[in-house]
Protein backbone atom coordinates (compact mmCIF):
# COMPACT_ATOMS: atom_id res chain seq x y z
CA UNK A 1 -0.10 0.18 -0.50
CA UNK A 2 1.24 3.19 -0.93
CA UNK A 3 0.57 6.41 1.91
CA UNK A 4 0.53 9.57 0.69
CA UNK A 5 2.65 12.38 2.26
CA UNK A 6 1.18 12.32 5.09
CA UNK A 7 3.53 14.40 7.06
CA UNK A 8 3.02 17.38 4.64
CA UNK A 9 -1.19 16.98 4.92
CA UNK A 10 -1.08 17.11 8.53
CA UNK A 11 1.46 20.45 8.52
CA UNK A 12 -0.63 22.05 5.37
CA UNK A 13 -4.14 21.49 7.72
CA UNK A 14 -2.01 23.12 10.42
CA UNK A 15 -1.51 26.18 8.71
CA UNK A 16 -5.29 26.29 6.85
CA UNK A 17 -6.56 26.50 10.36
CA UNK A 18 -5.48 30.27 9.81
CA UNK A 19 -4.14 30.57 13.21
CA UNK A 20 -0.62 32.43 12.93
CA UNK A 21 1.16 30.43 15.44
CA UNK A 22 4.88 30.54 16.65
CA UNK A 23 7.42 27.46 17.31
CA UNK A 24 6.47 28.07 20.97
CA UNK A 25 2.65 27.22 19.82
CA UNK A 26 2.60 24.32 21.89
CA UNK A 27 2.94 25.81 24.91
CA UNK A 28 0.93 29.04 24.17
CA UNK A 29 -1.58 28.24 22.09
CA UNK A 30 -4.79 25.59 21.74
CA UNK A 31 -6.86 28.06 19.87
CA UNK A 32 -9.57 25.55 18.56
CA UNK A 33 -11.68 22.29 19.18
CA UNK A 34 -8.88 19.26 19.67
CA UNK A 35 -5.73 21.71 19.47
CA UNK A 36 -3.17 21.94 17.51
CA UNK A 37 -2.92 18.68 15.30
CA UNK A 38 -5.81 16.83 13.68
CA UNK A 39 -5.34 13.72 15.55
CA UNK A 40 -5.75 14.05 18.80
CA UNK A 41 -1.29 13.90 19.67
CA UNK A 42 0.24 17.09 21.66
CA UNK A 43 3.40 17.27 20.25
CA UNK A 44 5.52 19.08 23.29
CA UNK A 45 3.40 17.89 25.91
CA UNK A 46 4.60 16.77 29.33
CA UNK A 47 1.37 16.95 31.47
CA UNK A 48 1.61 14.95 34.75
CA UNK A 49 0.62 11.32 34.82
CA UNK A 50 -0.47 11.45 38.36
CA UNK A 51 -2.58 13.65 40.00
CA UNK A 52 -5.70 14.07 42.77
CA UNK A 53 -8.51 16.36 44.26
CA UNK A 54 -5.19 16.95 47.04
CA UNK A 55 -1.88 16.12 44.26
CA UNK A 56 -0.98 17.82 41.43
CA UNK A 57 -3.57 20.58 41.04
CA UNK A 58 -1.79 24.02 40.73
CA UNK A 59 -5.53 25.70 40.86
CA UNK A 60 -9.39 24.83 40.16
CA UNK A 61 -11.78 27.45 39.52
CA UNK A 62 -15.70 27.18 40.26
CA UNK A 63 -17.11 27.62 37.06
CA UNK A 64 -20.80 29.65 36.71
CA UNK A 65 -23.43 28.10 34.70
CA UNK A 66 -23.14 24.33 33.11
CA UNK A 67 -21.71 23.52 29.88
CA UNK A 68 -19.53 21.15 28.44
CA UNK A 69 -17.41 23.29 25.84
CA UNK A 70 -14.05 22.08 25.55
CA UNK A 71 -11.85 25.08 26.26
CA UNK A 72 -9.27 26.67 23.94
CA UNK A 73 -6.20 28.70 24.83
CA UNK A 74 -4.37 32.28 23.67
CA UNK A 75 -1.06 32.45 26.16
CA UNK A 76 -2.33 33.78 29.03
CA UNK A 77 -5.82 33.43 29.27
CA UNK A 78 -8.29 29.80 28.99
CA UNK A 79 -11.89 30.41 26.81
CA UNK A 80 -15.09 28.62 27.45
CA UNK A 81 -18.90 28.68 26.70
CA UNK A 82 -21.18 27.91 29.52
CA UNK A 83 -25.22 28.98 30.03
CA UNK A 84 -26.28 30.08 33.46
CA UNK A 85 -29.96 29.70 34.61
CA UNK A 86 -31.54 32.31 35.61
CA UNK A 87 -34.88 33.38 37.75
CA UNK A 88 -36.89 35.08 35.93
CA UNK A 89 -39.55 33.19 34.50
CA UNK A 90 -40.79 33.68 30.95
CA UNK A 91 -43.76 31.30 28.52
CA UNK A 92 -41.87 28.57 26.39
CA UNK A 93 -41.48 30.05 22.84
CA UNK A 94 -44.27 28.87 20.58
CA UNK A 95 -43.01 25.42 19.27
CA UNK A 96 -42.85 25.69 15.40
CA UNK A 97 -44.83 23.07 13.31
CA UNK A 98 -42.87 19.34 13.47
CA UNK A 99 -40.61 19.09 10.30
CA UNK A 100 -40.82 15.61 8.27
CA UNK A 101 -37.16 14.21 9.03
CA UNK A 102 -35.32 13.08 5.59
CA UNK A 103 -35.14 9.66 5.43
CA UNK A 104 -32.45 7.35 7.18
CA UNK A 105 -29.23 6.80 5.04
CA UNK A 106 -28.99 3.41 2.58
CA UNK A 107 -27.33 0.79 4.34
CA UNK A 108 -27.03 3.01 7.89
CA UNK A 109 -27.10 0.42 11.15
CA UNK A 110 -30.34 0.26 12.28
CA UNK A 111 -31.42 2.86 10.20
CA UNK A 112 -34.77 1.66 10.71
CA UNK A 113 -35.62 1.46 14.46
CA UNK A 114 -35.70 5.24 14.54
CA UNK A 115 -38.02 5.76 12.30
CA UNK A 116 -38.75 9.72 11.65
CA UNK A 117 -37.45 10.25 15.11
CA UNK A 118 -39.23 7.61 16.96
CA UNK A 119 -37.26 6.28 19.71
CA UNK A 120 -35.57 9.36 20.23
CA UNK A 121 -37.50 11.22 22.95
CA UNK A 122 -34.98 11.80 25.45
CA UNK A 123 -34.86 15.25 25.60
CA UNK A 124 -35.73 17.19 28.41
CA UNK A 125 -39.02 19.57 29.19
CA UNK A 126 -38.90 23.05 27.09
CA UNK A 127 -37.49 25.66 29.59
CA UNK A 128 -39.33 28.47 30.99
CA UNK A 129 -36.70 30.54 32.30
CA UNK A 130 -34.00 32.84 30.55
CA UNK A 131 -30.45 31.49 30.16
CA UNK A 132 -27.70 33.89 30.01
CA UNK A 133 -25.56 32.52 27.15
CA UNK A 134 -22.26 33.77 28.00
CA UNK A 135 -18.37 33.71 26.95
CA UNK A 136 -15.66 33.47 30.28
CA UNK A 137 -11.66 34.13 30.13
CA UNK A 138 -10.25 32.56 32.79
CA UNK A 139 -6.24 33.19 33.75
CA UNK A 140 -4.50 30.59 32.79
CA UNK A 141 -1.29 31.01 35.65
CA UNK A 142 -3.86 31.61 38.48
CA UNK A 143 -7.42 30.61 37.35
CA UNK A 144 -8.83 33.99 38.06
CA UNK A 145 -11.72 34.83 35.79
CA UNK A 146 -10.74 37.63 34.05
CA UNK A 147 -13.85 38.65 32.33
CA UNK A 148 -17.33 37.08 31.71
CA UNK A 149 -19.15 38.45 28.57
CA UNK A 150 -23.01 37.61 28.14
CA UNK A 151 -23.31 37.10 24.85
CA UNK A 152 -27.45 36.75 24.96
CA UNK A 153 -30.51 36.13 27.20
CA UNK A 154 -33.45 33.99 25.83
CA UNK A 155 -35.58 30.77 26.64
CA UNK A 156 -34.46 28.47 24.58
CA UNK A 157 -36.93 27.11 22.18
CA UNK A 158 -36.11 23.31 22.99
CA UNK A 159 -34.59 21.42 25.48
CA UNK A 160 -31.80 18.60 25.55
CA UNK A 161 -30.90 15.29 26.28
CA UNK A 162 -30.66 14.58 30.09
CA UNK A 163 -26.66 14.30 30.16
CA UNK A 164 -26.13 17.18 27.55
CA UNK A 165 -26.53 21.01 27.70
CA UNK A 166 -26.81 24.20 25.64
CA UNK A 167 -22.95 25.35 25.82
CA UNK A 168 -21.16 22.66 24.10
CA UNK A 169 -19.26 24.06 21.64
CA UNK A 170 -15.28 25.48 21.55
CA UNK A 171 -14.66 28.41 20.86
CA UNK A 172 -12.69 29.08 18.18
CA UNK A 173 -9.80 32.02 17.61
CA UNK A 174 -7.05 33.16 15.55
CA UNK A 175 -4.99 35.43 18.62
CA UNK A 176 -6.87 38.33 17.47
CA UNK A 177 -10.55 37.40 17.68
CA UNK A 178 -12.85 34.76 19.07
CA UNK A 179 -15.35 33.56 17.69
CA UNK A 180 -18.27 31.50 19.96
CA UNK A 181 -20.89 29.67 18.37
CA UNK A 182 -24.23 28.83 21.18
CA UNK A 183 -26.26 27.42 17.85
CA UNK A 184 -29.82 28.58 17.93
CA UNK A 185 -29.16 31.42 20.40
CA UNK A 186 -26.55 32.83 17.81
CA UNK A 187 -22.52 33.47 16.66
CA UNK A 188 -20.47 36.13 18.15
CA UNK A 189 -17.38 37.70 17.32
CA UNK A 190 -14.92 39.42 20.25
CA UNK A 191 -11.74 40.81 20.71
CA UNK A 192 -9.63 39.09 23.44
CA UNK A 193 -10.78 41.34 25.79
CA UNK A 194 -14.58 40.61 25.35
CA UNK A 195 -15.27 43.26 22.91
CA UNK A 196 -17.63 42.86 21.05
CA UNK A 197 -16.94 42.88 17.43
CA UNK A 198 -19.73 41.43 15.40
CA UNK A 199 -23.08 38.78 15.75
CA UNK A 200 -24.89 36.90 13.61
CA UNK A 201 -28.67 35.03 14.51
CA UNK A 202 -29.02 31.77 11.94
CA UNK A 203 -31.86 30.72 12.88
CA UNK A 204 -33.03 27.54 15.34
CA UNK A 205 -32.49 24.00 15.36
CA UNK A 206 -35.07 21.60 15.83
CA UNK A 207 -32.68 18.88 16.86
CA UNK A 208 -33.44 15.18 16.52
CA UNK A 209 -34.87 13.78 19.76
CA UNK A 210 -34.73 17.13 21.09
CA UNK A 211 -30.94 15.97 22.21
CA UNK A 212 -29.67 19.48 21.73
CA UNK A 213 -26.56 21.02 19.70
CA UNK A 214 -23.45 20.60 19.90
CA UNK A 215 -21.25 20.82 16.79
CA UNK A 216 -18.46 24.11 16.66
CA UNK A 217 -17.60 26.03 14.03
CA UNK A 218 -13.60 25.97 12.42
CA UNK A 219 -11.61 28.44 10.86
CA UNK A 220 -10.25 27.64 7.38
CA UNK A 221 -8.06 30.89 6.21
CA UNK A 222 -10.35 33.86 6.54
CA UNK A 223 -13.28 31.94 6.16
CA UNK A 224 -15.53 30.96 9.38
CA UNK A 225 -16.87 27.41 8.82
CA UNK A 226 -20.55 26.94 10.89
CA UNK A 227 -22.20 23.55 10.25
CA UNK A 228 -25.75 23.32 10.78
CA UNK A 229 -27.29 19.69 10.90
CA UNK A 230 -30.89 19.40 11.79
CA UNK A 231 -34.21 17.72 11.54
CA UNK A 232 -35.18 20.68 9.55
CA UNK A 233 -33.12 21.95 6.12
CA UNK A 234 -29.49 21.38 7.10
CA UNK A 235 -26.91 23.34 5.31
CA UNK A 236 -23.34 23.98 5.73
CA UNK A 237 -22.59 28.32 5.76
CA UNK A 238 -18.72 30.08 5.26
CA UNK A 239 -19.04 33.69 7.09
CA UNK A 240 -16.44 36.02 6.38
CA UNK A 241 -14.14 36.15 10.14
CA UNK A 242 -13.85 39.89 9.72
CA UNK A 243 -17.12 40.77 9.42
CA UNK A 244 -20.04 37.67 9.27
CA UNK A 245 -20.91 38.33 6.07
CA UNK A 246 -22.07 35.00 4.04
CA UNK A 247 -19.69 34.56 1.21
CA UNK A 248 -21.30 30.94 0.37
CA UNK A 249 -24.33 28.67 1.92
CA UNK A 250 -24.59 24.74 0.86
CA UNK A 251 -27.93 22.87 1.99
CA UNK A 252 -27.00 19.83 3.18
CA UNK A 253 -29.29 16.16 2.79
CA UNK A 254 -28.94 15.39 6.61
CA UNK A 255 -30.81 15.01 9.43
CA UNK A 256 -28.95 15.79 13.23
CA UNK A 257 -25.41 15.28 13.11
CA UNK A 258 -22.96 17.02 16.20
CA UNK A 259 -19.30 16.14 13.57
CA UNK A 260 -17.21 19.34 13.57
CA UNK A 261 -15.54 19.57 10.10
CA UNK A 262 -12.09 18.83 9.76
CA UNK A 263 -10.08 21.24 7.53
CA UNK A 264 -7.22 20.03 5.58
CA UNK A 265 -5.25 21.23 2.51
CA UNK A 266 -4.78 18.97 -0.11
CA UNK A 267 -3.51 19.38 -3.92
CA UNK A 268 -2.88 23.75 -2.75
CA UNK A 269 -6.11 23.81 -1.79
CA UNK A 270 -7.99 23.99 1.67
CA UNK A 271 -10.96 21.22 2.12
CA UNK A 272 -13.06 21.45 4.73
CA UNK A 273 -14.44 17.53 5.56
CA UNK A 274 -17.45 17.08 7.32
CA UNK A 275 -18.96 13.85 8.42
CA UNK A 276 -22.75 12.84 8.73
CA UNK A 277 -24.96 9.87 8.50
CA UNK A 278 -26.21 10.28 4.93
CA UNK A 279 -22.42 11.39 3.57
CA UNK A 280 -18.86 12.14 4.53
CA UNK A 281 -18.68 15.26 2.51
CA UNK A 282 -15.26 17.45 1.94
CA UNK A 283 -16.35 21.11 0.44
CA UNK A 284 -13.82 23.06 -1.90
CA UNK A 285 -13.56 25.57 1.33
CA UNK A 286 -13.25 28.62 -1.59
CA UNK A 287 -16.40 27.94 -3.10
CA UNK A 288 -18.32 25.41 -0.98
CA UNK A 289 -18.10 22.83 -3.99
CA UNK A 290 -17.99 19.21 -3.01
CA UNK A 291 -14.76 17.92 -3.98
CA UNK A 292 -15.45 13.89 -2.69
CA UNK A 293 -18.38 12.39 -1.02
CA UNK A 294 -18.60 8.60 0.94
CA UNK A 295 -21.86 7.07 2.09
CA UNK A 296 -21.66 4.59 4.83
CA UNK A 297 -21.78 6.02 9.02
CA UNK A 298 -24.47 5.28 11.21
CA UNK A 299 -27.08 7.41 12.25
CA UNK A 300 -25.98 10.65 14.97
CA UNK A 301 -22.83 11.39 13.90
CA UNK A 302 -20.50 13.24 16.50
CA UNK A 303 -16.62 12.22 16.50
CA UNK A 304 -14.47 14.82 14.44
CA UNK A 305 -12.52 13.12 11.55
CA UNK A 306 -9.03 12.58 12.11
CA UNK A 307 -6.25 13.23 9.77
CA UNK A 308 -2.79 11.47 8.55
CA UNK A 309 -1.07 8.83 6.35
CA UNK A 310 -2.93 10.58 3.56
CA UNK A 311 -6.00 9.18 4.76
CA UNK A 312 -9.04 11.10 6.71
CA UNK A 313 -10.37 8.76 9.35
CA UNK A 314 -14.15 8.90 9.57
CA UNK A 315 -16.18 6.61 12.58
CA UNK A 316 -19.66 6.44 14.46
CA UNK A 317 -20.96 4.32 17.21
CA UNK A 318 -24.69 4.76 16.94
CA UNK A 319 -27.43 2.39 16.13
CA UNK A 320 -24.40 0.30 14.56
CA UNK A 321 -20.59 1.23 14.17
CA UNK A 322 -18.86 2.39 11.03
CA UNK A 323 -14.80 3.42 10.94
CA UNK A 324 -13.70 4.16 7.60
CA UNK A 325 -10.35 5.64 6.20
CA UNK A 326 -10.88 7.26 3.28
CA UNK A 327 -7.97 8.56 0.82
CA UNK A 328 -7.56 12.90 0.73
CA UNK A 329 -7.02 13.11 -2.67
CA UNK A 330 -10.07 11.38 -3.70
CA UNK A 331 -12.78 12.88 -5.85
CA UNK A 332 -16.40 12.17 -6.98
CA UNK A 333 -18.42 9.99 -4.89
CA UNK A 334 -16.01 7.17 -3.56
CA UNK A 335 -18.50 4.81 -1.82
CA UNK A 336 -17.37 1.28 -1.79
CA UNK A 337 -14.44 2.06 -4.02
CA UNK A 338 -10.76 1.49 -3.45
CA UNK A 339 -10.51 5.42 -2.15
CA UNK A 340 -12.23 3.58 1.11
CA UNK A 341 -9.12 2.05 2.10
CA UNK A 342 -10.48 -0.10 4.69
CA UNK A 343 -13.93 -0.56 6.61
CA UNK A 344 -14.24 -1.68 9.90
CA UNK A 345 -17.97 -2.28 11.61
CA UNK A 346 -17.01 -2.73 15.24
CA UNK A 347 -16.36 -0.67 17.89
CA UNK A 348 -16.99 2.79 17.06
CA UNK A 349 -17.10 5.71 19.01
CA UNK A 350 -20.61 7.68 19.42
CA UNK A 351 -19.81 10.53 21.15
CA UNK A 352 -15.93 10.66 21.81
CA UNK A 353 -13.42 11.62 19.16
CA UNK A 354 -10.41 9.12 18.21
CA UNK A 355 -6.74 9.76 18.21
CA UNK A 356 -4.45 8.82 15.65
CA UNK A 357 -0.71 8.38 17.20
CA UNK A 358 1.81 6.90 14.36
CA UNK A 359 0.34 4.31 13.13
CA UNK A 360 -2.07 3.41 16.08
CA UNK A 361 -5.76 4.44 15.95
CA UNK A 362 -7.51 4.48 19.80
CA UNK A 363 -10.72 5.20 19.89
CA UNK A 364 -13.62 3.91 22.81
CA UNK A 365 -16.80 1.59 22.20
CA UNK A 366 -19.94 3.85 21.54
CA UNK A 367 -20.11 6.35 25.06
CA UNK A 368 -18.83 2.42 26.98
CA UNK A 369 -15.78 2.19 29.42
CA UNK A 370 -14.08 -0.16 26.19
CA UNK A 371 -10.89 0.84 24.17
CA UNK A 372 -9.88 -0.39 21.14
CA UNK A 373 -6.04 0.14 19.49
CA UNK A 374 -6.62 -0.41 15.36
CA UNK A 375 -3.71 -0.81 12.38
CA UNK A 376 -4.32 3.34 10.80
CA UNK A 377 -2.87 1.65 7.63
CA UNK A 378 -4.88 -1.67 7.38
CA UNK A 379 -7.65 -1.46 9.76
CA UNK A 380 -6.13 -4.65 11.89
CA UNK A 381 -6.61 -5.41 15.68
CA UNK A 382 -4.20 -4.60 18.00
CA UNK A 383 -6.48 -4.81 21.04
CA UNK A 384 -10.19 -4.24 20.68
CA UNK A 385 -12.67 -3.74 23.34
CA UNK A 386 -10.18 -3.49 26.21
CA UNK A 387 -12.37 -3.13 29.48
CA UNK A 388 -11.24 0.45 31.30
CA UNK A 389 -11.18 -0.29 35.11
CA UNK A 390 -12.60 2.40 37.13
CA UNK A 391 -14.67 4.16 34.58
CA UNK A 392 -18.29 4.35 33.99
CA UNK A 393 -18.66 5.85 30.24
CA UNK A 394 -16.83 8.46 28.22
CA UNK A 395 -17.32 11.36 26.51
CA UNK A 396 -14.47 13.15 26.43
CA UNK A 397 -12.30 12.72 23.14
CA UNK A 398 -8.89 11.07 24.43
CA UNK A 399 -5.38 12.99 23.97
CA UNK A 400 -1.83 11.34 23.35
CA UNK A 401 1.19 13.03 24.40
CA UNK A 402 4.56 12.29 25.45
CA UNK A 403 4.35 8.44 25.12
CA UNK A 404 1.27 8.30 27.40
CA UNK A 405 -2.66 8.21 26.42
CA UNK A 406 -5.07 10.32 28.71
CA UNK A 407 -8.78 9.32 28.88
CA UNK A 408 -10.79 10.82 30.97
CA UNK A 409 -14.13 9.30 32.37
CA UNK A 410 -17.68 10.85 33.37
CA UNK A 411 -17.68 10.30 36.71
CA UNK A 412 -14.43 12.41 36.79
CA UNK A 413 -11.60 9.18 36.44
CA UNK A 414 -8.80 9.31 33.92
CA UNK A 415 -6.83 6.36 33.38
CA UNK A 416 -3.29 7.10 32.24
CA UNK A 417 -2.33 4.53 29.23
CA UNK A 418 0.87 3.66 27.53
CA UNK A 419 0.82 4.72 24.14
CA UNK A 420 1.87 1.45 22.28
CA UNK A 421 -0.27 -1.32 20.57
CA UNK A 422 -0.18 -3.44 24.04
CA UNK A 423 -2.74 -2.18 26.47
CA UNK A 424 -0.95 -0.97 29.43
CA UNK A 425 -2.23 1.09 32.43
CA UNK A 426 0.01 3.61 33.65
CA UNK A 427 -1.89 5.78 36.31
CA UNK A 428 -5.33 6.12 37.49
CA UNK A 429 -6.31 9.28 38.33
CA UNK A 430 -9.60 10.27 40.32
CA UNK A 431 -11.35 13.80 40.86
CA UNK A 432 -14.63 14.54 42.71
CA UNK A 433 -15.76 15.73 39.86
CA UNK A 434 -18.31 14.80 36.68
CA UNK A 435 -16.01 15.52 33.57
CA UNK A 436 -18.28 15.79 30.10
CA UNK A 437 -15.29 18.53 28.25
CA UNK A 438 -12.41 16.84 27.05
CA UNK A 439 -8.49 17.50 28.27
CA UNK A 440 -6.50 20.20 27.35
CA UNK A 441 -2.66 19.93 27.07
CA UNK A 442 -0.22 22.57 27.47
CA UNK A 443 3.21 22.25 28.21
CA UNK A 444 3.60 20.86 31.53
CA UNK A 445 -0.29 21.38 32.29
CA UNK A 446 -3.00 19.59 31.92
CA UNK A 447 -6.52 21.39 31.65
CA UNK A 448 -10.00 19.37 32.99
CA UNK A 449 -13.48 21.13 32.58
CA UNK A 450 -15.78 19.08 35.33
CA UNK A 451 -19.13 20.11 36.08
CA UNK A 452 -18.19 22.08 39.12
CA UNK A 453 -14.57 22.99 38.14
CA UNK A 454 -12.11 23.52 35.80
CA UNK A 455 -9.03 22.50 36.80
CA UNK A 456 -5.13 22.86 36.47
CA UNK A 457 -3.00 20.11 36.76
CA UNK A 458 0.56 20.15 36.57
CA UNK A 459 3.37 19.39 38.22
CA UNK A 460 5.16 22.57 38.61
């Protein structure tokens, strides 16, 4: 098998994010969801392997409101999103007529079980209280909240899944501006001191089963790409990052998905690869035209793709399992062609995104406490469905750094494993907090956002 120029592709994709980063970026910037790499590997990071509520916690800060938004970092500031429920009661907003959802993707495993939305009524009640949707800036050294800006105050038009919330997307920055998406509550551009530059309302989503919203925007050069997959007309839109003006919009034959686009440069052009139920599609960032597409995933796609070895790896683990390695040089409809280099239908993640470390592809099984490690070039199994002792479910996406793999469980337990083809636990660490946001690493620091606190884990 001939593997295309993986190193150059990943480096080009890094440039495509639109951030003017220096060689010190590994210790000073985590500018977007999943950080600097497109793999879940954090080059240069050397965080602790052991900690507890009383060991190696440099600081912890009580956070306002609730949210699963994974933080981002620029130099000495940490930015995250939150939704703060107030005591102000208002009547629930009038519900829009229920849409007729599109049919399930042909061949999707278990697709018929859901029918037209059936079996997915897991949302909480429609809220009646005003929520404040806010951006929070925290000092990286001290943990002190430097500023908190309320972007909008309103009663959400629908509820969310019991294990979800109203502030799950990560913001993104280029070191000069900060873009924050609250989905149906608007898209906002701030400077790094919290001054509003522009805002845009893209309408109200109606998510499948009222699960809620969560896809993060992606920065690609001078454009901000916003995915909008829901039960009405889905689309992806590209906005001018400086003004918020719409540059292009493409309708999508999709229902609710929660995946974030991955930006990569192929053949000198930027592409935005967005995984979803009916199709994974790669868009030409400049025009919005589809470069290639492939079917084969299951419903309710959430994991963000990872890129390496000349491939993009896409996967989903709801109502079935699907993992695909697709050539980045694909063109047209590549469903069931040789451009899908390998396809596996076992043990895929539902919420967490995978990690690609060298030739090892790590992923959880659905949201359960099991881990698999595959050969990324062939799809062959190193180990599969390995139980993770002490962990009770996973929403956070793992990270790899300094020869270790960090897997964060929902009940606050993090397993540190050897980054190798055989399963070996290095340490088990417990915080007295629930954790659904993904970990962030810079230098010798590990940042964990719990339901109650934001933690800086460091030996120094």
